Amino acid sequence: MTRKSPATDIIIGGIDTHGHTHHAAVLDHIGRQLGDREFPTTPAGYQALGAWLTRHGRLECVGVEGTGTYGAGLTRYLKEIGVTVVEVNRPDRSARRAKGKSDPLDA
């Protein structure tokens, strides 16, 4: 049986915010995507999102797009439960045109 090192338990979350839903992704300590999922922008949705993220490992921090707008409620919730939140800028428009819009990719 292979034993995990403490570093391999560390995960990072990313969230693409919208008016009615937030799309979350979770990455492992070397940047591999472990999963992505959409949650409603409600208090119950925020709780489900937080629980889903932490099921994957030790949550180091979460990058949130739009912490002052669509992501404000989620940001408040995450900070209340002790999660480090980092404001993330929208992807470059030219890159989005070349690669297309994708909520999982944005998250």
PDB file of N, CA and C in Angstrom:
ATOM      1  N   MET A   1       0.841  -1.182   0.000  1.00  0.00           N
ATOM      2  CA  MET A   1       0.000   0.000   0.000  1.00  0.00           C
ATOM      3  C   MET A   1       0.884   1.242   0.000  1.00  0.00           C
ATOM      4  N   THR A   2       0.608   2.189  -0.900  1.00  0.00           N
ATOM      5  CA  THR A   2       1.357   3.435  -0.970  1.00  0.00           C
ATOM      6  C   THR A   2       0.770   4.414   0.019  1.00  0.00           C
ATOM      7  N   ARG A   3       1.631   5.034   0.773  1.00  0.00           N
ATOM      8  CA  ARG A   3       1.190   5.993   1.773  1.00  0.00           C
ATOM      9  C   ARG A   3       1.272   7.403   1.203  1.00  0.00           C
ATOM     10  N   LYS A   4       0.239   8.210   1.417  1.00  0.00           N
ATOM     11  CA  LYS A   4       0.228   9.583   0.941  1.00  0.00           C
ATOM     12  C   LYS A   4       1.120  10.449   1.818  1.00  0.00           C
ATOM     13  N   SER A   5       1.849  11.355   1.204  1.00  0.00           N
ATOM     14  CA  SER A   5       2.588  12.344   1.979  1.00  0.00           C
ATOM     15  C   SER A   5       1.632  13.485   2.303  1.00  0.00           C
ATOM     16  N   PRO A   6       1.930  14.297   3.327  1.00  0.00           N
ATOM     17  CA  PRO A   6       1.035  15.407   3.657  1.00  0.00           C
ATOM     18  C   PRO A   6       0.803  16.354   2.480  1.00  0.00           C
ATOM     19  N   ALA A   7       1.804  16.551   1.626  1.00  0.00           N
ATOM     20  CA  ALA A   7       1.637  17.453   0.485  1.00  0.00           C
ATOM     21  C   ALA A   7       0.581  16.949  -0.486  1.00  0.00           C
ATOM     22  N   THR A   8       0.420  15.641  -0.615  1.00  0.00           N
ATOM     23  CA  THR A   8      -0.536  15.118  -1.584  1.00  0.00           C
ATOM     24  C   THR A   8      -1.977  15.277  -1.124  1.00  0.00           C
ATOM     25  N   ASP A   9      -2.194  15.624   0.125  1.00  0.00           N
ATOM     26  CA  ASP A   9      -3.548  15.858   0.625  1.00  0.00           C
ATOM     27  C   ASP A   9      -4.034  17.274   0.325  1.00  0.00           C
ATOM     28  N   ILE A  10      -3.127  18.176  -0.051  1.00  0.00           N
ATOM     29  CA  ILE A  10      -3.464  19.588  -0.249  1.00  0.00           C
ATOM     30  C   ILE A  10      -4.214  19.766  -1.564  1.00  0.00           C
ATOM     31  N   ILE A  11      -5.314  20.515  -1.502  1.00  0.00           N
ATOM     32  CA  ILE A  11      -6.089  20.828  -2.695  1.00  0.00           C
ATOM     33  C   ILE A  11      -6.327  22.332  -2.772  1.00  0.00           C
ATOM     34  N   ILE A  12      -6.654  22.786  -3.969  1.00  0.00           N
ATOM     35  CA  ILE A  12      -6.970  24.195  -4.218  1.00  0.00           C
ATOM     36  C   ILE A  12      -8.272  24.229  -5.004  1.00  0.00           C
ATOM     37  N   GLY A  13      -9.153  25.140  -4.633  1.00  0.00           N
ATOM     38  CA  GLY A  13     -10.425  25.286  -5.331  1.00  0.00           C
ATOM     39  C   GLY A  13     -10.427  26.511  -6.220  1.00  0.00           C
ATOM     40  N   GLY A  14     -11.261  26.485  -7.237  1.00  0.00           N
ATOM     41  CA  GLY A  14     -11.475  27.626  -8.118  1.00  0.00           C
ATOM     42  C   GLY A  14     -12.951  27.730  -8.421  1.00  0.00           C
ATOM     43  N   ILE A  15     -13.469  28.969  -8.432  1.00  0.00           N
ATOM     44  CA  ILE A  15     -14.908  29.134  -8.626  1.00  0.00           C
ATOM     45  C   ILE A  15     -15.196  30.228  -9.651  1.00  0.00           C
ATOM     46  N   ASP A  16     -15.979  29.862 -10.664  1.00  0.00           N
ATOM     47  CA  ASP A  16     -16.481  30.783 -11.673  1.00  0.00           C
ATOM     48  C   ASP A  16     -17.887  31.167 -11.223  1.00  0.00           C
ATOM     49  N   THR A  17     -18.094  32.441 -10.913  1.00  0.00           N
ATOM     50  CA  THR A  17     -19.365  32.871 -10.328  1.00  0.00           C
ATOM     51  C   THR A  17     -20.338  33.395 -11.385  1.00  0.00           C
ATOM     52  N   HIS A  18     -21.617  33.186 -11.108  1.00  0.00           N
ATOM     53  CA  HIS A  18     -22.711  33.646 -11.963  1.00  0.00           C
ATOM     54  C   HIS A  18     -23.857  34.101 -11.056  1.00  0.00           C
ATOM     55  N   GLY A  19     -24.892  34.636 -11.646  1.00  0.00           N
ATOM     56  CA  GLY A  19     -26.020  35.120 -10.869  1.00  0.00           C
ATOM     57  C   GLY A  19     -26.806  34.039 -10.148  1.00  0.00           C
ATOM     58  N   HIS A  20     -27.023  32.898 -10.789  1.00  0.00           N
ATOM     59  CA  HIS A  20     -27.852  31.845 -10.205  1.00  0.00           C
ATOM     60  C   HIS A  20     -27.094  30.596  -9.805  1.00  0.00           C
ATOM     61  N   THR A  21     -25.900  30.419 -10.366  1.00  0.00           N
ATOM     62  CA  THR A  21     -25.093  29.247 -10.035  1.00  0.00           C
ATOM     63  C   THR A  21     -23.617  29.644  -9.954  1.00  0.00           C
ATOM     64  N   HIS A  22     -22.853  28.827  -9.257  1.00  0.00           N
ATOM     65  CA  HIS A  22     -21.391  28.959  -9.225  1.00  0.00           C
ATOM     66  C   HIS A  22     -20.831  27.621  -9.693  1.00  0.00           C
ATOM     67  N   HIS A  23     -19.810  27.676 -10.549  1.00  0.00           N
ATOM     68  CA  HIS A  23     -19.173  26.446 -11.026  1.00  0.00           C
ATOM     69  C   HIS A  23     -17.818  26.325 -10.333  1.00  0.00           C
ATOM     70  N   ALA A  24     -17.627  25.235  -9.604  1.00  0.00           N
ATOM     71  CA  ALA A  24     -16.406  25.020  -8.825  1.00  0.00           C
ATOM     72  C   ALA A  24     -15.569  23.909  -9.446  1.00  0.00           C
ATOM     73  N   ALA A  25     -14.260  24.062  -9.302  1.00  0.00           N
ATOM     74  CA  ALA A  25     -13.313  23.018  -9.701  1.00  0.00           C
ATOM     75  C   ALA A  25     -12.341  22.827  -8.553  1.00  0.00           C
ATOM     76  N   VAL A  26     -11.787  21.636  -8.446  1.00  0.00           N
ATOM     77  CA  VAL A  26     -10.810  21.348  -7.405  1.00  0.00           C
ATOM     78  C   VAL A  26      -9.580  20.713  -8.055  1.00  0.00           C
ATOM     79  N   LEU A  27      -8.405  21.195  -7.632  1.00  0.00           N
ATOM     80  CA  LEU A  27      -7.129  20.718  -8.171  1.00  0.00           C
ATOM     81  C   LEU A  27      -6.292  20.117  -7.051  1.00  0.00           C
ATOM     82  N   ASP A  28      -5.477  19.128  -7.405  1.00  0.00           N
ATOM     83  CA  ASP A  28      -4.570  18.557  -6.401  1.00  0.00           C
ATOM     84  C   ASP A  28      -3.304  19.412  -6.307  1.00  0.00           C
ATOM     85  N   HIS A  29      -2.348  18.962  -5.509  1.00  0.00           N
ATOM     86  CA  HIS A  29      -1.151  19.757  -5.219  1.00  0.00           C
ATOM     87  C   HIS A  29      -0.231  19.956  -6.418  1.00  0.00           C
ATOM     88  N   ILE A  30      -0.430  19.223  -7.518  1.00  0.00           N
ATOM     89  CA  ILE A  30       0.381  19.449  -8.712  1.00  0.00           C
ATOM     90  C   ILE A  30      -0.451  19.957  -9.891  1.00  0.00           C
ATOM     91  N   GLY A  31      -1.669  20.390  -9.622  1.00  0.00           N
ATOM     92  CA  GLY A  31      -2.495  21.026 -10.637  1.00  0.00           C
ATOM     93  C   GLY A  31      -3.408  20.130 -11.442  1.00  0.00           C
ATOM     94  N   ARG A  32      -3.525  18.875 -11.074  1.00  0.00           N
ATOM     95  CA  ARG A  32      -4.458  17.981 -11.777  1.00  0.00           C
ATOM     96  C   ARG A  32      -5.879  18.249 -11.292  1.00  0.00           C
ATOM     97  N   GLN A  33      -6.801  18.338 -12.227  1.00  0.00           N
ATOM     98  CA  GLN A  33      -8.194  18.564 -11.848  1.00  0.00           C
ATOM     99  C   GLN A  33      -8.778  17.275 -11.295  1.00  0.00           C
ATOM    100  N   LEU A  34      -9.337  17.378 -10.094  1.00  0.00           N
ATOM    101  CA  LEU A  34      -9.951  16.227  -9.433  1.00  0.00           C
ATOM    102  C   LEU A  34     -11.450  16.156  -9.693  1.00  0.00           C
ATOM    103  N   GLY A  35     -12.026  17.272 -10.076  1.00  0.00           N
ATOM    104  CA  GLY A  35     -13.449  17.293 -10.350  1.00  0.00           C
ATOM    105  C   GLY A  35     -13.962  18.704 -10.532  1.00  0.00           C
ATOM    106  N   ASP A  36     -15.173  18.829 -11.063  1.00  0.00           N
ATOM    107  CA  ASP A  36     -15.846  20.121 -11.146  1.00  0.00           C
ATOM    108  C   ASP A  36     -17.340  19.881 -11.022  1.00  0.00           C
ATOM    109  N   ARG A  37     -18.019  20.899 -10.509  1.00  0.00           N
ATOM    110  CA  ARG A  37     -19.448  20.744 -10.236  1.00  0.00           C
ATOM    111  C   ARG A  37     -20.093  22.120 -10.111  1.00  0.00           C
ATOM    112  N   GLU A  38     -21.382  22.194 -10.403  1.00  0.00           N
ATOM    113  CA  GLU A  38     -22.136  23.437 -10.316  1.00  0.00           C
ATOM    114  C   GLU A  38     -23.021  23.426  -9.065  1.00  0.00           C
ATOM    115  N   PHE A  39     -23.126  24.593  -8.416  1.00  0.00           N
ATOM    116  CA  PHE A  39     -23.920  24.733  -7.188  1.00  0.00           C
ATOM    117  C   PHE A  39     -24.795  25.975  -7.287  1.00  0.00           C
ATOM    118  N   PRO A  40     -25.974  25.951  -6.673  1.00  0.00           N
ATOM    119  CA  PRO A  40     -26.835  27.140  -6.668  1.00  0.00           C
ATOM    120  C   PRO A  40     -26.266  28.236  -5.766  1.00  0.00           C
ATOM    121  N   THR A  41     -26.631  29.479  -6.069  1.00  0.00           N
ATOM    122  CA  THR A  41     -26.164  30.626  -5.275  1.00  0.00           C
ATOM    123  C   THR A  41     -27.125  30.891  -4.119  1.00  0.00           C
ATOM    124  N   THR A  42     -27.226  29.912  -3.240  1.00  0.00           N
ATOM    125  CA  THR A  42     -28.068  30.001  -2.054  1.00  0.00           C
ATOM    126  C   THR A  42     -27.220  29.605  -0.851  1.00  0.00           C
ATOM    127  N   PRO A  43     -27.656  29.932   0.362  1.00  0.00           N
ATOM    128  CA  PRO A  43     -26.895  29.476   1.529  1.00  0.00           C
ATOM    129  C   PRO A  43     -26.675  27.964   1.541  1.00  0.00           C
ATOM    130  N   ALA A  44     -27.687  27.197   1.161  1.00  0.00           N
ATOM    131  CA  ALA A  44     -27.520  25.735   1.101  1.00  0.00           C
ATOM    132  C   ALA A  44     -26.516  25.352   0.016  1.00  0.00           C
ATOM    133  N   GLY A  45     -26.530  26.073  -1.103  1.00  0.00           N
ATOM    134  CA  GLY A  45     -25.570  25.825  -2.174  1.00  0.00           C
ATOM    135  C   GLY A  45     -24.143  26.119  -1.735  1.00  0.00           C
ATOM    136  N   TYR A  46     -23.960  27.213  -0.966  1.00  0.00           N
ATOM    137  CA  TYR A  46     -22.629  27.552  -0.451  1.00  0.00           C
ATOM    138  C   TYR A  46     -22.121  26.444   0.476  1.00  0.00           C
ATOM    139  N   GLN A  47     -22.992  25.955   1.343  1.00  0.00           N
ATOM    140  CA  GLN A  47     -22.602  24.873   2.260  1.00  0.00           C
ATOM    141  C   GLN A  47     -22.246  23.608   1.497  1.00  0.00           C
ATOM    142  N   ALA A  48     -23.043  23.273   0.485  1.00  0.00           N
ATOM    143  CA  ALA A  48     -22.761  22.080  -0.316  1.00  0.00           C
ATOM    144  C   ALA A  48     -21.442  22.233  -1.067  1.00  0.00           C
ATOM    145  N   LEU A  49     -21.176  23.426  -1.590  1.00  0.00           N
ATOM    146  CA  LEU A  49     -19.929  23.679  -2.304  1.00  0.00           C
ATOM    147  C   LEU A  49     -18.729  23.507  -1.368  1.00  0.00           C
ATOM    148  N   GLY A  50     -18.810  24.102  -0.182  1.00  0.00           N
ATOM    149  CA  GLY A  50     -17.722  23.970   0.795  1.00  0.00           C
ATOM    150  C   GLY A  50     -17.483  22.527   1.193  1.00  0.00           C
ATOM    151  N   ALA A  51     -18.549  21.784   1.422  1.00  0.00           N
ATOM    152  CA  ALA A  51     -18.424  20.373   1.803  1.00  0.00           C
ATOM    153  C   ALA A  51     -17.833  19.554   0.663  1.00  0.00           C
ATOM    154  N   TRP A  52     -18.263  19.835  -0.560  1.00  0.00           N
ATOM    155  CA  TRP A  52     -17.752  19.116  -1.720  1.00  0.00           C
ATOM    156  C   TRP A  52     -16.247  19.342  -1.889  1.00  0.00           C
ATOM    157  N   LEU A  53     -15.809  20.602  -1.757  1.00  0.00           N
ATOM    158  CA  LEU A  53     -14.383  20.897  -1.888  1.00  0.00           C
ATOM    159  C   LEU A  53     -13.555  20.123  -0.867  1.00  0.00           C
ATOM    160  N   THR A  54     -13.969  20.167   0.386  1.00  0.00           N
ATOM    161  CA  THR A  54     -13.155  19.565   1.450  1.00  0.00           C
ATOM    162  C   THR A  54     -13.173  18.041   1.434  1.00  0.00           C
ATOM    163  N   ARG A  55     -14.091  17.440   0.701  1.00  0.00           N
ATOM    164  CA  ARG A  55     -14.082  15.980   0.558  1.00  0.00           C
ATOM    165  C   ARG A  55     -12.872  15.487  -0.224  1.00  0.00           C
ATOM    166  N   HIS A  56     -12.263  16.380  -0.990  1.00  0.00           N
ATOM    167  CA  HIS A  56     -11.142  15.997  -1.842  1.00  0.00           C
ATOM    168  C   HIS A  56      -9.786  16.057  -1.130  1.00  0.00           C
ATOM    169  N   GLY A  57      -9.705  16.699   0.028  1.00  0.00           N
ATOM    170  CA  GLY A  57      -8.429  16.823   0.737  1.00  0.00           C
ATOM    171  C   GLY A  57      -8.400  18.049   1.626  1.00  0.00           C
ATOM    172  N   ARG A  58      -7.182  18.459   2.023  1.00  0.00           N
ATOM    173  CA  ARG A  58      -7.008  19.640   2.875  1.00  0.00           C
ATOM    174  C   ARG A  58      -7.020  20.886   1.996  1.00  0.00           C
ATOM    175  N   LEU A  59      -8.040  21.691   2.158  1.00  0.00           N
ATOM    176  CA  LEU A  59      -8.247  22.868   1.314  1.00  0.00           C
ATOM    177  C   LEU A  59      -7.269  23.974   1.696  1.00  0.00           C
ATOM    178  N   GLU A  60      -6.332  24.276   0.795  1.00  0.00           N
ATOM    179  CA  GLU A  60      -5.326  25.329   1.015  1.00  0.00           C
ATOM    180  C   GLU A  60      -5.942  26.715   0.830  1.00  0.00           C
ATOM    181  N   CYS A  61      -6.639  26.911  -0.278  1.00  0.00           N
ATOM    182  CA  CYS A  61      -7.293  28.193  -0.559  1.00  0.00           C
ATOM    183  C   CYS A  61      -8.258  27.995  -1.732  1.00  0.00           C
ATOM    184  N   VAL A  62      -9.054  29.044  -1.971  1.00  0.00           N
ATOM    185  CA  VAL A  62     -10.005  29.016  -3.078  1.00  0.00           C
ATOM    186  C   VAL A  62      -9.879  30.317  -3.846  1.00  0.00           C
ATOM    187  N   GLY A  63      -9.730  30.215  -5.156  1.00  0.00           N
ATOM    188  CA  GLY A  63      -9.749  31.386  -6.025  1.00  0.00           C
ATOM    189  C   GLY A  63     -11.179  31.620  -6.478  1.00  0.00           C
ATOM    190  N   VAL A  64     -11.669  32.847  -6.278  1.00  0.00           N
ATOM    191  CA  VAL A  64     -13.052  33.171  -6.632  1.00  0.00           C
ATOM    192  C   VAL A  64     -13.047  34.350  -7.596  1.00  0.00           C
ATOM    193  N   GLU A  65     -13.731  34.179  -8.717  1.00  0.00           N
ATOM    194  CA  GLU A  65     -13.897  35.263  -9.675  1.00  0.00           C
ATOM    195  C   GLU A  65     -15.087  36.110  -9.225  1.00  0.00           C
ATOM    196  N   GLY A  66     -14.888  37.410  -9.075  1.00  0.00           N
ATOM    197  CA  GLY A  66     -15.991  38.297  -8.733  1.00  0.00           C
ATOM    198  C   GLY A  66     -16.362  38.295  -7.262  1.00  0.00           C
ATOM    199  N   THR A  67     -15.367  38.427  -6.372  1.00  0.00           N
ATOM    200  CA  THR A  67     -15.660  38.404  -4.932  1.00  0.00           C
ATOM    201  C   THR A  67     -16.510  39.592  -4.489  1.00  0.00           C
ATOM    202  N   GLY A  68     -16.530  40.663  -5.267  1.00  0.00           N
ATOM    203  CA  GLY A  68     -17.320  41.831  -4.894  1.00  0.00           C
ATOM    204  C   GLY A  68     -18.664  41.895  -5.584  1.00  0.00           C
ATOM    205  N   THR A  69     -18.927  40.972  -6.497  1.00  0.00           N
ATOM    206  CA  THR A  69     -20.200  40.987  -7.223  1.00  0.00           C
ATOM    207  C   THR A  69     -20.914  39.658  -7.040  1.00  0.00           C
ATOM    208  N   TYR A  70     -20.968  38.836  -8.088  1.00  0.00           N
ATOM    209  CA  TYR A  70     -21.685  37.560  -8.001  1.00  0.00           C
ATOM    210  C   TYR A  70     -21.133  36.633  -6.917  1.00  0.00           C
ATOM    211  N   GLY A  71     -19.857  36.740  -6.615  1.00  0.00           N
ATOM    212  CA  GLY A  71     -19.249  35.853  -5.625  1.00  0.00           C
ATOM    213  C   GLY A  71     -19.204  36.408  -4.211  1.00  0.00           C
ATOM    214  N   ALA A  72     -19.839  37.544  -3.959  1.00  0.00           N
ATOM    215  CA  ALA A  72     -19.747  38.186  -2.637  1.00  0.00           C
ATOM    216  C   ALA A  72     -20.329  37.308  -1.524  1.00  0.00           C
ATOM    217  N   GLY A  73     -21.496  36.742  -1.721  1.00  0.00           N
ATOM    218  CA  GLY A  73     -22.119  35.893  -0.695  1.00  0.00           C
ATOM    219  C   GLY A  73     -21.305  34.648  -0.421  1.00  0.00           C
ATOM    220  N   LEU A  74     -20.825  34.010  -1.475  1.00  0.00           N
ATOM    221  CA  LEU A  74     -19.992  32.822  -1.315  1.00  0.00           C
ATOM    222  C   LEU A  74     -18.682  33.165  -0.614  1.00  0.00           C
ATOM    223  N   THR A  75     -18.083  34.277  -0.982  1.00  0.00           N
ATOM    224  CA  THR A  75     -16.828  34.706  -0.350  1.00  0.00           C
ATOM    225  C   THR A  75     -17.031  34.909   1.146  1.00  0.00           C
ATOM    226  N   ARG A  76     -18.115  35.583   1.530  1.00  0.00           N
ATOM    227  CA  ARG A  76     -18.408  35.776   2.956  1.00  0.00           C
ATOM    228  C   ARG A  76     -18.539  34.432   3.668  1.00  0.00           C
ATOM    229  N   TYR A  77     -19.282  33.510   3.052  1.00  0.00           N
ATOM    230  CA  TYR A  77     -19.470  32.201   3.663  1.00  0.00           C
ATOM    231  C   TYR A  77     -18.140  31.471   3.827  1.00  0.00           C
ATOM    232  N   LEU A  78     -17.335  31.418   2.779  1.00  0.00           N
ATOM    233  CA  LEU A  78     -16.055  30.706   2.858  1.00  0.00           C
ATOM    234  C   LEU A  78     -15.144  31.300   3.930  1.00  0.00           C
ATOM    235  N   LYS A  79     -15.103  32.629   4.012  1.00  0.00           N
ATOM    236  CA  LYS A  79     -14.275  33.272   5.045  1.00  0.00           C
ATOM    237  C   LYS A  79     -14.796  32.952   6.448  1.00  0.00           C
ATOM    238  N   GLU A  80     -16.118  32.909   6.610  1.00  0.00           N
ATOM    239  CA  GLU A  80     -16.709  32.578   7.913  1.00  0.00           C
ATOM    240  C   GLU A  80     -16.308  31.184   8.381  1.00  0.00           C
ATOM    241  N   ILE A  81     -16.116  30.247   7.442  1.00  0.00           N
ATOM    242  CA  ILE A  81     -15.737  28.890   7.852  1.00  0.00           C
ATOM    243  C   ILE A  81     -14.222  28.685   7.823  1.00  0.00           C
ATOM    244  N   GLY A  82     -13.473  29.792   7.667  1.00  0.00           N
ATOM    245  CA  GLY A  82     -12.016  29.733   7.791  1.00  0.00           C
ATOM    246  C   GLY A  82     -11.236  29.420   6.531  1.00  0.00           C
ATOM    247  N   VAL A  83     -11.860  29.563   5.368  1.00  0.00           N
ATOM    248  CA  VAL A  83     -11.178  29.291   4.108  1.00  0.00           C
ATOM    249  C   VAL A  83     -10.493  30.563   3.613  1.00  0.00           C
ATOM    250  N   THR A  84      -9.258  30.445   3.152  1.00  0.00           N
ATOM    251  CA  THR A  84      -8.549  31.561   2.531  1.00  0.00           C
ATOM    252  C   THR A  84      -9.094  31.747   1.125  1.00  0.00           C
ATOM    253  N   VAL A  85      -9.567  32.970   0.832  1.00  0.00           N
ATOM    254  CA  VAL A  85     -10.147  33.277  -0.475  1.00  0.00           C
ATOM    255  C   VAL A  85      -9.239  34.270  -1.190  1.00  0.00           C
ATOM    256  N   VAL A  86      -8.973  33.988  -2.466  1.00  0.00           N
ATOM    257  CA  VAL A  86      -8.139  34.848  -3.297  1.00  0.00           C
ATOM    258  C   VAL A  86      -8.993  35.337  -4.464  1.00  0.00           C
ATOM    259  N   GLU A  87      -8.992  36.656  -4.693  1.00  0.00           N
ATOM    260  CA  GLU A  87      -9.711  37.227  -5.839  1.00  0.00           C
ATOM    261  C   GLU A  87      -8.983  36.825  -7.118  1.00  0.00           C
ATOM    262  N   VAL A  88      -9.741  36.339  -8.094  1.00  0.00           N
ATOM    263  CA  VAL A  88      -9.182  35.904  -9.367  1.00  0.00           C
ATOM    264  C   VAL A  88      -9.782  36.762 -10.471  1.00  0.00           C
ATOM    265  N   ASN A  89      -8.936  37.276 -11.349  1.00  0.00           N
ATOM    266  CA  ASN A  89      -9.402  38.069 -12.488  1.00  0.00           C
ATOM    267  C   ASN A  89      -9.986  37.173 -13.563  1.00  0.00           C
ATOM    268  N   ARG A  90     -10.887  37.736 -14.345  1.00  0.00           N
ATOM    269  CA  ARG A  90     -11.439  37.000 -15.489  1.00  0.00           C
ATOM    270  C   ARG A  90     -10.321  36.669 -16.459  1.00  0.00           C
ATOM    271  N   PRO A  91     -10.435  35.531 -17.156  1.00  0.00           N
ATOM    272  CA  PRO A  91      -9.426  35.193 -18.164  1.00  0.00           C
ATOM    273  C   PRO A  91      -9.364  36.261 -19.258  1.00  0.00           C
ATOM    274  N   ASP A  92      -8.211  36.391 -19.884  1.00  0.00           N
ATOM    275  CA  ASP A  92      -7.991  37.327 -20.973  1.00  0.00           C
ATOM    276  C   ASP A  92      -9.018  37.085 -22.085  1.00  0.00           C
ATOM    277  N   ARG A  93      -9.619  38.177 -22.583  1.00  0.00           N
ATOM    278  CA  ARG A  93     -10.669  38.040 -23.600  1.00  0.00           C
ATOM    279  C   ARG A  93     -10.171  37.348 -24.869  1.00  0.00           C
ATOM    280  N   SER A  94      -8.952  37.639 -25.296  1.00  0.00           N
ATOM    281  CA  SER A  94      -8.447  37.001 -26.525  1.00  0.00           C
ATOM    282  C   SER A  94      -8.264  35.502 -26.319  1.00  0.00           C
ATOM    283  N   ALA A  95      -7.833  35.101 -25.125  1.00  0.00           N
ATOM    284  CA  ALA A  95      -7.692  33.670 -24.827  1.00  0.00           C
ATOM    285  C   ALA A  95      -9.055  32.995 -24.799  1.00  0.00           C
ATOM    286  N   ARG A  96     -10.056  33.700 -24.272  1.00  0.00           N
ATOM    287  CA  ARG A  96     -11.405  33.133 -24.222  1.00  0.00           C
ATOM    288  C   ARG A  96     -11.976  32.963 -25.620  1.00  0.00           C
ATOM    289  N   ARG A  97     -11.670  33.931 -26.527  1.00  0.00           N
ATOM    290  CA  ARG A  97     -12.147  33.815 -27.911  1.00  0.00           C
ATOM    291  C   ARG A  97     -11.481  32.632 -28.609  1.00  0.00           C
ATOM    292  N   ALA A  98     -10.198  32.447 -28.356  1.00  0.00           N
ATOM    293  CA  ALA A  98      -9.448  31.364 -29.012  1.00  0.00           C
ATOM    294  C   ALA A  98      -9.858  29.997 -28.497  1.00  0.00           C
ATOM    295  N   LYS A  99     -10.104  29.884 -27.179  1.00  0.00           N
ATOM    296  CA  LYS A  99     -10.396  28.585 -26.576  1.00  0.00           C
ATOM    297  C   LYS A  99     -11.869  28.357 -26.289  1.00  0.00           C
ATOM    298  N   GLY A 100     -12.667  29.427 -26.349  1.00  0.00           N
ATOM    299  CA  GLY A 100     -14.091  29.283 -26.070  1.00  0.00           C
ATOM    300  C   GLY A 100     -14.405  29.456 -24.596  1.00  0.00           C
ATOM    301  N   LYS A 101     -15.644  29.775 -24.308  1.00  0.00           N
ATOM    302  CA  LYS A 101     -16.124  29.963 -22.941  1.00  0.00           C
ATOM    303  C   LYS A 101     -16.429  28.608 -22.343  1.00  0.00           C
ATOM    304  N   SER A 102     -15.921  28.387 -21.115  1.00  0.00           N
ATOM    305  CA  SER A 102     -16.166  27.121 -20.443  1.00  0.00           C
ATOM    306  C   SER A 102     -16.178  27.362 -18.945  1.00  0.00           C
ATOM    307  N   ASP A 103     -17.310  27.105 -18.286  1.00  0.00           N
ATOM    308  CA  ASP A 103     -17.381  27.282 -16.839  1.00  0.00           C
ATOM    309  C   ASP A 103     -16.375  26.400 -16.109  1.00  0.00           C
ATOM    310  N   PRO A 104     -16.218  25.120 -16.453  1.00  0.00           N
ATOM    311  CA  PRO A 104     -15.204  24.303 -15.766  1.00  0.00           C
ATOM    312  C   PRO A 104     -13.799  24.858 -15.952  1.00  0.00           C
ATOM    313  N   LEU A 105     -13.482  25.341 -17.167  1.00  0.00           N
ATOM    314  CA  LEU A 105     -12.156  25.905 -17.423  1.00  0.00           C
ATOM    315  C   LEU A 105     -11.976  27.199 -16.647  1.00  0.00           C
ATOM    316  N   ASP A 106     -13.000  28.060 -16.626  1.00  0.00           N
ATOM    317  CA  ASP A 106     -12.913  29.307 -15.870  1.00  0.00           C
ATOM    318  C   ASP A 106     -12.742  29.040 -14.378  1.00  0.00           C
ATOM    319  N   ALA A 107     -13.439  28.032 -13.864  1.00  0.00           N
ATOM    320  CA  ALA A 107     -13.323  27.701 -12.445  1.00  0.00           C
ATOM    321  C   ALA A 107     -11.904  27.220 -12.148  1.00  0.00           C
TER     322      ALA A 107
END
